């Protein structure tokens, strides 16, 4: 009786064709065939000799391919040096400015509102946790946070408040004009 390695070697041409059909890349197809052979030899003790060997090998190859695709999705994403230079935002990033403006707006809120809002936003506490920490009824905490959000929106959207990105950009323009 021939050994298991020579039995599976008979099916190599079909496995290579299937791998090329899956991957459309000869080098990757060869790697897949090799991985399939290694797995088949490792798991030879699981093969039942009264079943279809080619079907068993194709199933192993298919599973190896699916696992490789899944690993690729979760794995690192390779980016060329040229692409890295194009990633991100322009040098005039607005996020730090916006964060600074939000901090200024929060500083203008009444202490009760800002305290509840910061515990919820900044510390990530749930309304119930904020209520317990401040020893207040849940409804009071919800109301304070709601009023704080509404006040922040009004402050940032109001052109006369001196807050918000638009106002910050206008202040910069005015200071440039004053220097010129």
N, C-alpha and C. Protein backbone atom coordinates (compact mmCIF):
# COMPACT_ATOMS: atom_id res chain seq x y z
N UNK A 1 0.84 -1.18 0.00
CA UNK A 1 0.00 0.00 0.00
C UNK A 1 0.89 1.25 0.00
N UNK A 2 0.64 2.23 -0.90
CA UNK A 2 1.47 3.43 -0.98
C UNK A 2 1.28 4.30 0.26
N UNK A 3 2.32 5.11 0.57
CA UNK A 3 2.21 5.99 1.73
C UNK A 3 1.29 7.17 1.41
N UNK A 4 0.86 7.85 2.45
CA UNK A 4 -0.13 8.92 2.31
C UNK A 4 0.41 10.08 1.46
N UNK A 5 1.70 10.40 1.60
CA UNK A 5 2.31 11.49 0.84
C UNK A 5 2.22 11.26 -0.66
N UNK A 6 2.47 10.05 -1.10
CA UNK A 6 2.38 9.78 -2.54
C UNK A 6 0.92 9.76 -3.00
N UNK A 7 -0.01 9.43 -2.12
CA UNK A 7 -1.43 9.46 -2.48
C UNK A 7 -1.90 10.89 -2.73
N UNK A 8 -1.45 11.81 -1.89
CA UNK A 8 -1.89 13.20 -2.09
C UNK A 8 -1.13 13.86 -3.23
N UNK A 9 0.09 13.41 -3.53
CA UNK A 9 0.87 14.00 -4.62
C UNK A 9 0.15 13.86 -5.96
N UNK A 10 -0.64 12.83 -6.12
CA UNK A 10 -1.39 12.62 -7.36
C UNK A 10 -2.36 13.78 -7.62
N UNK A 11 -2.83 14.43 -6.57
CA UNK A 11 -3.83 15.48 -6.69
C UNK A 11 -3.23 16.89 -6.78
N UNK A 12 -1.91 17.00 -6.79
CA UNK A 12 -1.26 18.31 -6.83
C UNK A 12 -1.65 19.15 -8.05
N UNK A 13 -1.69 18.62 -9.28
CA UNK A 13 -2.05 19.48 -10.42
C UNK A 13 -3.44 20.13 -10.26
N UNK A 14 -4.42 19.38 -9.79
CA UNK A 14 -5.76 19.96 -9.60
C UNK A 14 -5.76 20.99 -8.47
N UNK A 15 -5.02 20.71 -7.41
CA UNK A 15 -4.94 21.67 -6.31
C UNK A 15 -4.28 22.97 -6.77
N UNK A 16 -3.25 22.87 -7.60
CA UNK A 16 -2.58 24.07 -8.11
C UNK A 16 -3.54 24.90 -8.97
N UNK A 17 -4.31 24.24 -9.82
CA UNK A 17 -5.29 24.96 -10.65
C UNK A 17 -6.33 25.66 -9.77
N UNK A 18 -6.80 24.94 -8.75
CA UNK A 18 -7.81 25.53 -7.87
C UNK A 18 -7.23 26.73 -7.12
N UNK A 19 -5.99 26.61 -6.67
CA UNK A 19 -5.34 27.71 -5.94
C UNK A 19 -5.17 28.92 -6.85
N UNK A 20 -4.77 28.71 -8.11
CA UNK A 20 -4.63 29.84 -9.05
C UNK A 20 -5.98 30.48 -9.32
N UNK A 21 -7.03 29.67 -9.39
CA UNK A 21 -8.38 30.22 -9.61
C UNK A 21 -8.83 31.04 -8.40
N UNK A 22 -8.46 30.63 -7.21
CA UNK A 22 -8.83 31.38 -6.00
C UNK A 22 -8.09 32.70 -5.88
N UNK A 23 -6.79 32.66 -6.18
CA UNK A 23 -5.94 33.79 -5.85
C UNK A 23 -5.54 34.68 -7.02
N UNK A 24 -5.51 34.16 -8.23
CA UNK A 24 -5.09 34.91 -9.41
C UNK A 24 -3.68 35.47 -9.25
N UNK A 25 -2.87 34.79 -8.47
CA UNK A 25 -1.48 35.19 -8.25
C UNK A 25 -0.67 33.91 -8.11
N UNK A 26 0.23 33.62 -9.07
CA UNK A 26 0.96 32.34 -9.04
C UNK A 26 1.76 32.11 -7.76
N UNK A 27 2.42 33.14 -7.25
CA UNK A 27 3.24 32.96 -6.04
C UNK A 27 2.36 32.65 -4.83
N UNK A 28 1.27 33.38 -4.69
CA UNK A 28 0.37 33.12 -3.57
C UNK A 28 -0.30 31.76 -3.72
N UNK A 29 -0.58 31.37 -4.96
CA UNK A 29 -1.19 30.06 -5.20
C UNK A 29 -0.25 28.94 -4.77
N UNK A 30 1.04 29.08 -5.09
CA UNK A 30 2.03 28.08 -4.66
C UNK A 30 2.09 27.99 -3.14
N UNK A 31 2.05 29.15 -2.48
CA UNK A 31 2.06 29.16 -1.01
C UNK A 31 0.84 28.45 -0.45
N UNK A 32 -0.31 28.68 -1.07
CA UNK A 32 -1.54 28.04 -0.62
C UNK A 32 -1.48 26.53 -0.80
N UNK A 33 -0.94 26.08 -1.92
CA UNK A 33 -0.79 24.64 -2.15
C UNK A 33 0.14 24.05 -1.10
N UNK A 34 1.24 24.74 -0.83
CA UNK A 34 2.18 24.25 0.18
C UNK A 34 1.53 24.19 1.56
N UNK A 35 0.80 25.23 1.93
CA UNK A 35 0.11 25.23 3.22
C UNK A 35 -0.90 24.09 3.30
N UNK A 36 -1.57 23.84 2.18
CA UNK A 36 -2.55 22.75 2.13
C UNK A 36 -1.88 21.41 2.34
N UNK A 37 -0.74 21.22 1.69
CA UNK A 37 -0.01 19.95 1.82
C UNK A 37 0.47 19.76 3.26
N UNK A 38 0.99 20.81 3.84
CA UNK A 38 1.47 20.71 5.24
C UNK A 38 0.31 20.34 6.16
N UNK A 39 -0.83 21.03 5.99
CA UNK A 39 -1.99 20.75 6.83
C UNK A 39 -2.49 19.33 6.61
N UNK A 40 -2.52 18.87 5.35
CA UNK A 40 -2.99 17.52 5.05
C UNK A 40 -2.08 16.47 5.69
N UNK A 41 -0.78 16.71 5.64
CA UNK A 41 0.14 15.75 6.26
C UNK A 41 0.03 15.77 7.78
N UNK A 42 -0.17 16.95 8.34
CA UNK A 42 -0.36 17.05 9.79
C UNK A 42 -1.63 16.33 10.24
N UNK A 43 -2.66 16.41 9.43
CA UNK A 43 -3.97 15.86 9.80
C UNK A 43 -4.25 14.53 9.11
N UNK A 44 -3.23 13.87 8.61
CA UNK A 44 -3.42 12.61 7.88
C UNK A 44 -4.16 11.58 8.74
N UNK A 45 -3.95 11.61 10.03
CA UNK A 45 -4.60 10.64 10.91
C UNK A 45 -6.13 10.83 10.96
N UNK A 46 -6.62 12.00 10.51
CA UNK A 46 -8.06 12.27 10.51
C UNK A 46 -8.75 11.83 9.22
N UNK A 47 -7.95 11.55 8.20
CA UNK A 47 -8.55 11.17 6.91
C UNK A 47 -9.05 9.73 6.97
N UNK A 48 -10.29 9.56 6.52
CA UNK A 48 -10.87 8.21 6.44
C UNK A 48 -10.63 7.69 5.02
N UNK A 49 -9.97 6.55 4.87
CA UNK A 49 -9.56 6.04 3.57
C UNK A 49 -10.72 5.58 2.70
N UNK A 50 -11.90 5.47 3.25
CA UNK A 50 -13.05 5.08 2.43
C UNK A 50 -13.78 6.29 1.87
N UNK A 51 -13.17 7.51 1.98
CA UNK A 51 -13.78 8.74 1.46
C UNK A 51 -12.95 9.31 0.32
N UNK A 52 -13.41 10.42 -0.24
CA UNK A 52 -12.79 11.06 -1.40
C UNK A 52 -11.59 11.90 -0.96
N UNK A 53 -10.39 11.50 -1.31
CA UNK A 53 -9.17 12.20 -0.91
C UNK A 53 -9.10 13.59 -1.56
N UNK A 54 -9.43 13.68 -2.86
CA UNK A 54 -9.36 14.97 -3.54
C UNK A 54 -10.33 15.96 -2.88
N UNK A 55 -11.53 15.53 -2.57
CA UNK A 55 -12.50 16.40 -1.91
C UNK A 55 -11.99 16.87 -0.55
N UNK A 56 -11.34 15.97 0.17
CA UNK A 56 -10.78 16.31 1.48
C UNK A 56 -9.69 17.37 1.32
N UNK A 57 -8.83 17.20 0.31
CA UNK A 57 -7.74 18.15 0.08
C UNK A 57 -8.27 19.52 -0.37
N UNK A 58 -9.28 19.50 -1.24
CA UNK A 58 -9.87 20.76 -1.69
C UNK A 58 -10.53 21.49 -0.52
N UNK A 59 -11.16 20.74 0.37
CA UNK A 59 -11.76 21.35 1.55
C UNK A 59 -10.69 21.99 2.43
N UNK A 60 -9.59 21.29 2.61
CA UNK A 60 -8.48 21.86 3.40
C UNK A 60 -7.98 23.13 2.74
N UNK A 61 -7.82 23.10 1.41
CA UNK A 61 -7.31 24.28 0.71
C UNK A 61 -8.29 25.44 0.85
N UNK A 62 -9.54 25.16 0.68
CA UNK A 62 -10.55 26.21 0.81
C UNK A 62 -10.50 26.83 2.21
N UNK A 63 -10.44 25.99 3.22
CA UNK A 63 -10.39 26.49 4.60
C UNK A 63 -9.11 27.28 4.87
N UNK A 64 -7.98 26.83 4.32
CA UNK A 64 -6.73 27.57 4.47
C UNK A 64 -6.85 28.95 3.83
N UNK A 65 -7.47 28.98 2.65
CA UNK A 65 -7.65 30.26 1.95
C UNK A 65 -8.55 31.20 2.76
N UNK A 66 -9.67 30.69 3.25
CA UNK A 66 -10.60 31.52 4.03
C UNK A 66 -9.90 32.03 5.30
N UNK A 67 -9.15 31.17 5.96
CA UNK A 67 -8.44 31.59 7.17
C UNK A 67 -7.40 32.66 6.86
N UNK A 68 -6.71 32.52 5.72
CA UNK A 68 -5.71 33.52 5.33
C UNK A 68 -6.38 34.86 5.05
N UNK A 69 -7.54 34.84 4.41
CA UNK A 69 -8.26 36.08 4.13
C UNK A 69 -8.69 36.72 5.44
N UNK A 70 -9.17 35.93 6.37
CA UNK A 70 -9.58 36.48 7.67
C UNK A 70 -8.39 37.06 8.42
N UNK A 71 -7.27 36.37 8.38
CA UNK A 71 -6.07 36.90 9.04
C UNK A 71 -5.65 38.21 8.39
N UNK A 72 -5.79 38.29 7.09
CA UNK A 72 -5.43 39.51 6.37
C UNK A 72 -6.30 40.68 6.75
N UNK A 73 -7.57 40.42 6.99
CA UNK A 73 -8.49 41.49 7.38
C UNK A 73 -8.12 42.01 8.76
N UNK A 74 -7.75 41.12 9.65
CA UNK A 74 -7.41 41.52 11.02
C UNK A 74 -5.96 41.93 11.15
N UNK A 75 -5.15 41.56 10.19
CA UNK A 75 -3.72 41.81 10.29
C UNK A 75 -3.35 43.25 10.00
N UNK A 76 -2.06 43.50 9.98
CA UNK A 76 -1.60 44.87 9.71
C UNK A 76 -1.89 45.26 8.26
N UNK A 77 -2.10 46.52 8.06
CA UNK A 77 -2.38 47.06 6.75
C UNK A 77 -1.12 47.76 6.28
N UNK A 78 -0.52 47.27 5.21
CA UNK A 78 0.72 47.84 4.71
C UNK A 78 0.43 49.01 3.79
N UNK A 79 1.16 50.10 4.02
CA UNK A 79 0.98 51.31 3.23
C UNK A 79 2.36 51.76 2.75
N UNK A 80 2.42 52.18 1.51
CA UNK A 80 3.70 52.64 0.96
C UNK A 80 4.10 53.97 1.59
N UNK A 81 5.39 54.29 1.49
CA UNK A 81 5.88 55.55 2.05
C UNK A 81 5.21 56.75 1.38
N UNK A 82 4.96 56.64 0.09
CA UNK A 82 4.32 57.75 -0.62
C UNK A 82 2.89 57.97 -0.11
N UNK A 83 2.18 56.87 0.14
CA UNK A 83 0.80 56.99 0.61
C UNK A 83 0.76 57.58 2.02
N UNK A 84 1.75 57.26 2.84
CA UNK A 84 1.78 57.78 4.21
C UNK A 84 1.89 59.30 4.19
N UNK A 85 2.65 59.82 3.24
CA UNK A 85 2.81 61.27 3.17
C UNK A 85 1.50 61.97 2.83
N UNK A 86 0.57 61.25 2.18
CA UNK A 86 -0.69 61.85 1.79
C UNK A 86 -1.79 61.64 2.83
N UNK A 87 -1.53 60.82 3.85
CA UNK A 87 -2.54 60.53 4.87
C UNK A 87 -2.65 61.69 5.85
N UNK A 88 -3.76 61.73 6.55
CA UNK A 88 -3.95 62.72 7.61
C UNK A 88 -4.55 64.01 7.08
N UNK A 89 -4.51 65.00 7.92
CA UNK A 89 -5.07 66.29 7.57
C UNK A 89 -3.95 67.26 7.21
N UNK A 90 -4.35 68.36 6.68
CA UNK A 90 -3.39 69.41 6.37
C UNK A 90 -2.80 69.93 7.67
N UNK A 91 -1.74 70.71 7.55
CA UNK A 91 -1.06 71.20 8.75
C UNK A 91 -1.94 72.12 9.59
N UNK A 92 -2.92 72.74 9.01
CA UNK A 92 -3.81 73.62 9.75
C UNK A 92 -4.97 72.79 10.32
N UNK A 93 -4.65 71.91 11.21
CA UNK A 93 -5.67 71.03 11.79
C UNK A 93 -6.62 71.85 12.65
N UNK A 94 -7.90 71.56 12.48
CA UNK A 94 -8.92 72.32 13.19
C UNK A 94 -9.31 71.67 14.52
N UNK A 95 -9.05 70.38 14.68
CA UNK A 95 -9.49 69.68 15.88
C UNK A 95 -8.94 70.30 17.17
N UNK A 96 -7.64 70.59 17.27
CA UNK A 96 -7.17 71.22 18.52
C UNK A 96 -7.83 72.56 18.80
N UNK A 97 -8.09 73.32 17.75
CA UNK A 97 -8.75 74.61 17.92
C UNK A 97 -10.17 74.40 18.41
N UNK A 98 -10.88 73.46 17.80
CA UNK A 98 -12.25 73.19 18.21
C UNK A 98 -12.29 72.71 19.66
N UNK A 99 -11.36 71.84 20.03
CA UNK A 99 -11.31 71.34 21.41
C UNK A 99 -11.08 72.50 22.38
N UNK A 100 -10.18 73.39 22.03
CA UNK A 100 -9.91 74.56 22.88
C UNK A 100 -11.17 75.42 23.03
N UNK A 101 -11.90 75.59 21.93
CA UNK A 101 -13.12 76.39 21.97
C UNK A 101 -14.19 75.72 22.82
N UNK A 102 -14.29 74.42 22.73
CA UNK A 102 -15.27 73.70 23.56
C UNK A 102 -14.91 73.83 25.03
N UNK A 103 -13.63 73.75 25.34
CA UNK A 103 -13.20 73.93 26.74
C UNK A 103 -13.56 75.32 27.24
N UNK A 104 -13.34 76.32 26.41
CA UNK A 104 -13.70 77.69 26.79
C UNK A 104 -15.19 77.81 27.02
N UNK A 105 -15.98 77.17 26.18
CA UNK A 105 -17.44 77.23 26.32
C UNK A 105 -17.89 76.52 27.59
N UNK A 106 -17.29 75.36 27.89
CA UNK A 106 -17.65 74.62 29.10
C UNK A 106 -17.30 75.45 30.34
N UNK A 107 -16.20 76.20 30.28
CA UNK A 107 -15.83 77.06 31.40
C UNK A 107 -16.87 78.14 31.67
N UNK A 108 -17.65 78.50 30.67
CA UNK A 108 -18.67 79.54 30.84
C UNK A 108 -19.99 78.99 31.40
N UNK A 109 -20.13 77.68 31.44
CA UNK A 109 -21.37 77.07 31.96
C UNK A 109 -21.44 77.22 33.47
N UNK A 110 -22.66 77.21 34.04
CA UNK A 110 -22.78 77.16 35.50
C UNK A 110 -22.11 75.89 36.02
N UNK A 111 -21.55 75.97 37.23
CA UNK A 111 -20.79 74.87 37.79
C UNK A 111 -21.58 73.57 37.84
N UNK A 112 -22.87 73.63 38.20
CA UNK A 112 -23.67 72.41 38.31
C UNK A 112 -23.77 71.71 36.95
N UNK A 113 -23.96 72.51 35.90
CA UNK A 113 -24.08 71.92 34.56
C UNK A 113 -22.75 71.37 34.06
N UNK A 114 -21.69 72.14 34.23
CA UNK A 114 -20.38 71.69 33.72
C UNK A 114 -19.90 70.45 34.47
N UNK A 115 -20.16 70.40 35.77
CA UNK A 115 -19.73 69.25 36.56
C UNK A 115 -20.42 67.97 36.07
N UNK A 116 -21.73 68.02 35.88
CA UNK A 116 -22.48 66.85 35.41
C UNK A 116 -22.05 66.48 33.99
N UNK A 117 -21.89 67.48 33.14
CA UNK A 117 -21.51 67.24 31.75
C UNK A 117 -20.13 66.60 31.65
N UNK A 118 -19.18 67.11 32.40
CA UNK A 118 -17.81 66.58 32.34
C UNK A 118 -17.74 65.15 32.90
N UNK A 119 -18.49 64.88 33.94
CA UNK A 119 -18.51 63.51 34.45
C UNK A 119 -19.05 62.54 33.39
N UNK A 120 -20.05 63.01 32.66
CA UNK A 120 -20.65 62.16 31.62
C UNK A 120 -19.76 62.08 30.39
N UNK A 121 -19.33 63.22 29.86
CA UNK A 121 -18.54 63.25 28.62
C UNK A 121 -17.11 62.80 28.84
N UNK A 122 -16.44 63.48 29.74
CA UNK A 122 -15.00 63.29 29.90
C UNK A 122 -14.66 61.99 30.61
N UNK A 123 -15.40 61.67 31.64
CA UNK A 123 -15.09 60.46 32.41
C UNK A 123 -15.90 59.26 31.96
N UNK A 124 -16.84 59.47 31.06
CA UNK A 124 -17.60 58.37 30.49
C UNK A 124 -18.59 57.72 31.43
N UNK A 125 -19.01 58.43 32.46
CA UNK A 125 -19.97 57.86 33.39
C UNK A 125 -21.37 57.89 32.80
N UNK A 126 -22.15 56.89 33.13
CA UNK A 126 -23.55 56.86 32.72
C UNK A 126 -24.32 57.83 33.60
N UNK A 127 -25.52 58.20 33.14
CA UNK A 127 -26.34 59.14 33.91
C UNK A 127 -26.53 58.65 35.34
N UNK A 128 -26.79 57.36 35.51
CA UNK A 128 -27.01 56.81 36.85
C UNK A 128 -25.76 56.96 37.72
N UNK A 129 -24.60 56.76 37.10
CA UNK A 129 -23.34 56.88 37.85
C UNK A 129 -23.07 58.34 38.23
N UNK A 130 -23.38 59.25 37.31
CA UNK A 130 -23.22 60.68 37.62
C UNK A 130 -24.15 61.06 38.77
N UNK A 131 -25.38 60.58 38.71
CA UNK A 131 -26.35 60.88 39.77
C UNK A 131 -25.85 60.36 41.12
N UNK A 132 -25.31 59.16 41.13
CA UNK A 132 -24.80 58.59 42.38
C UNK A 132 -23.60 59.39 42.89
N UNK A 133 -22.71 59.77 41.99
CA UNK A 133 -21.50 60.49 42.39
C UNK A 133 -21.85 61.88 42.94
N UNK A 134 -22.82 62.55 42.31
CA UNK A 134 -23.20 63.88 42.75
C UNK A 134 -24.30 63.86 43.80
N UNK A 135 -24.80 62.67 44.11
CA UNK A 135 -25.87 62.48 45.08
C UNK A 135 -27.09 63.33 44.72
N UNK A 136 -27.49 63.16 43.45
CA UNK A 136 -28.64 63.88 42.91
C UNK A 136 -29.61 62.89 42.30
N UNK A 137 -30.90 63.27 42.16
CA UNK A 137 -31.84 62.41 41.47
C UNK A 137 -31.44 62.30 39.98
N UNK A 138 -31.77 61.17 39.37
CA UNK A 138 -31.42 60.91 37.97
C UNK A 138 -31.99 61.99 37.06
N UNK A 139 -33.23 62.39 37.27
CA UNK A 139 -33.86 63.41 36.44
C UNK A 139 -33.13 64.74 36.48
N UNK A 140 -32.60 65.08 37.65
CA UNK A 140 -31.86 66.33 37.80
C UNK A 140 -30.58 66.29 36.96
N UNK A 141 -29.89 65.16 37.03
CA UNK A 141 -28.66 65.00 36.25
C UNK A 141 -28.96 65.07 34.76
N UNK A 142 -30.00 64.38 34.32
CA UNK A 142 -30.37 64.41 32.90
C UNK A 142 -30.70 65.82 32.46
N UNK A 143 -31.40 66.54 33.29
CA UNK A 143 -31.79 67.91 32.97
C UNK A 143 -30.56 68.81 32.88
N UNK A 144 -29.64 68.68 33.83
CA UNK A 144 -28.44 69.52 33.83
C UNK A 144 -27.59 69.26 32.59
N UNK A 145 -27.43 67.99 32.24
CA UNK A 145 -26.63 67.66 31.05
C UNK A 145 -27.31 68.17 29.79
N UNK A 146 -28.61 68.02 29.72
CA UNK A 146 -29.36 68.50 28.56
C UNK A 146 -29.23 70.02 28.43
N UNK A 147 -29.40 70.73 29.54
CA UNK A 147 -29.27 72.19 29.50
C UNK A 147 -27.85 72.62 29.15
N UNK A 148 -26.86 71.86 29.65
CA UNK A 148 -25.46 72.19 29.34
C UNK A 148 -25.19 72.02 27.84
N UNK A 149 -25.67 70.95 27.26
CA UNK A 149 -25.47 70.73 25.81
C UNK A 149 -26.13 71.84 25.00
N UNK A 150 -27.35 72.19 25.38
CA UNK A 150 -28.08 73.23 24.66
C UNK A 150 -27.33 74.56 24.77
N UNK A 151 -26.85 74.88 25.96
CA UNK A 151 -26.11 76.13 26.17
C UNK A 151 -24.82 76.14 25.35
N UNK A 152 -24.13 75.02 25.29
CA UNK A 152 -22.90 74.94 24.50
C UNK A 152 -23.19 75.18 23.02
N UNK A 153 -24.24 74.53 22.52
CA UNK A 153 -24.61 74.73 21.11
C UNK A 153 -24.87 76.21 20.83
N UNK A 154 -25.64 76.83 21.70
CA UNK A 154 -25.97 78.24 21.50
C UNK A 154 -24.72 79.11 21.57
N UNK A 155 -23.84 78.82 22.50
CA UNK A 155 -22.62 79.62 22.62
C UNK A 155 -21.75 79.51 21.37
N UNK A 156 -21.57 78.30 20.90
CA UNK A 156 -20.67 78.09 19.77
C UNK A 156 -21.29 78.59 18.47
N UNK A 157 -22.61 78.48 18.35
CA UNK A 157 -23.27 78.93 17.12
C UNK A 157 -23.49 80.44 17.09
N UNK A 158 -23.52 81.09 18.25
CA UNK A 158 -23.78 82.52 18.33
C UNK A 158 -22.55 83.29 17.88
N UNK A 159 -22.67 84.09 16.83
CA UNK A 159 -21.51 84.83 16.34
C UNK A 159 -20.95 85.82 17.36
N UNK A 160 -21.79 86.29 18.24
CA UNK A 160 -21.33 87.27 19.21
C UNK A 160 -20.68 86.67 20.45
N UNK A 161 -20.65 85.35 20.55
CA UNK A 161 -20.12 84.73 21.76
C UNK A 161 -18.60 84.76 21.82
N UNK A 162 -17.97 84.92 20.68
CA UNK A 162 -16.51 84.89 20.67
C UNK A 162 -15.97 83.48 20.72
N UNK A 163 -16.84 82.48 20.62
CA UNK A 163 -16.43 81.09 20.66
C UNK A 163 -16.70 80.43 19.31
N UNK A 164 -16.13 79.28 19.15
CA UNK A 164 -16.35 78.50 17.94
C UNK A 164 -15.26 78.73 16.92
N UNK A 165 -15.16 77.81 15.99
CA UNK A 165 -14.09 77.86 15.00
C UNK A 165 -14.20 79.10 14.12
N UNK A 166 -15.40 79.44 13.72
CA UNK A 166 -15.57 80.62 12.86
C UNK A 166 -15.08 81.86 13.59
N UNK A 167 -15.42 82.00 14.86
CA UNK A 167 -14.97 83.16 15.63
C UNK A 167 -13.47 83.16 15.83
N UNK A 168 -12.89 81.98 16.02
CA UNK A 168 -11.44 81.88 16.18
C UNK A 168 -10.74 82.32 14.91
N UNK A 169 -11.26 81.86 13.77
CA UNK A 169 -10.66 82.25 12.49
C UNK A 169 -10.83 83.75 12.26
N UNK A 170 -11.98 84.31 12.66
CA UNK A 170 -12.18 85.75 12.51
C UNK A 170 -11.22 86.53 13.40
N UNK A 171 -10.97 86.04 14.63
CA UNK A 171 -10.03 86.71 15.53
C UNK A 171 -8.63 86.70 14.91
N UNK A 172 -8.24 85.57 14.30
CA UNK A 172 -6.92 85.49 13.65
C UNK A 172 -6.82 86.51 12.52
N UNK A 173 -7.89 86.62 11.71
CA UNK A 173 -7.88 87.55 10.59
C UNK A 173 -7.76 88.98 11.12
N UNK A 174 -8.52 89.29 12.17
CA UNK A 174 -8.45 90.65 12.73
C UNK A 174 -7.07 90.96 13.27
N UNK A 175 -6.44 89.96 13.93
CA UNK A 175 -5.09 90.22 14.46
C UNK A 175 -4.07 90.36 13.34
N UNK A 176 -4.24 89.63 12.24
CA UNK A 176 -3.34 89.81 11.08
C UNK A 176 -3.51 91.18 10.47
N UNK A 177 -4.78 91.60 10.35
CA UNK A 177 -5.06 92.92 9.77
C UNK A 177 -4.49 94.02 10.66
N UNK A 178 -4.57 93.81 11.97
CA UNK A 178 -4.06 94.82 12.90
C UNK A 178 -2.54 94.92 12.80
N UNK A 179 -1.88 93.78 12.57
CA UNK A 179 -0.42 93.78 12.45
C UNK A 179 0.04 94.38 11.13
N UNK A 180 -0.80 94.30 10.11
CA UNK A 180 -0.39 94.75 8.78
C UNK A 180 -0.43 96.25 8.61
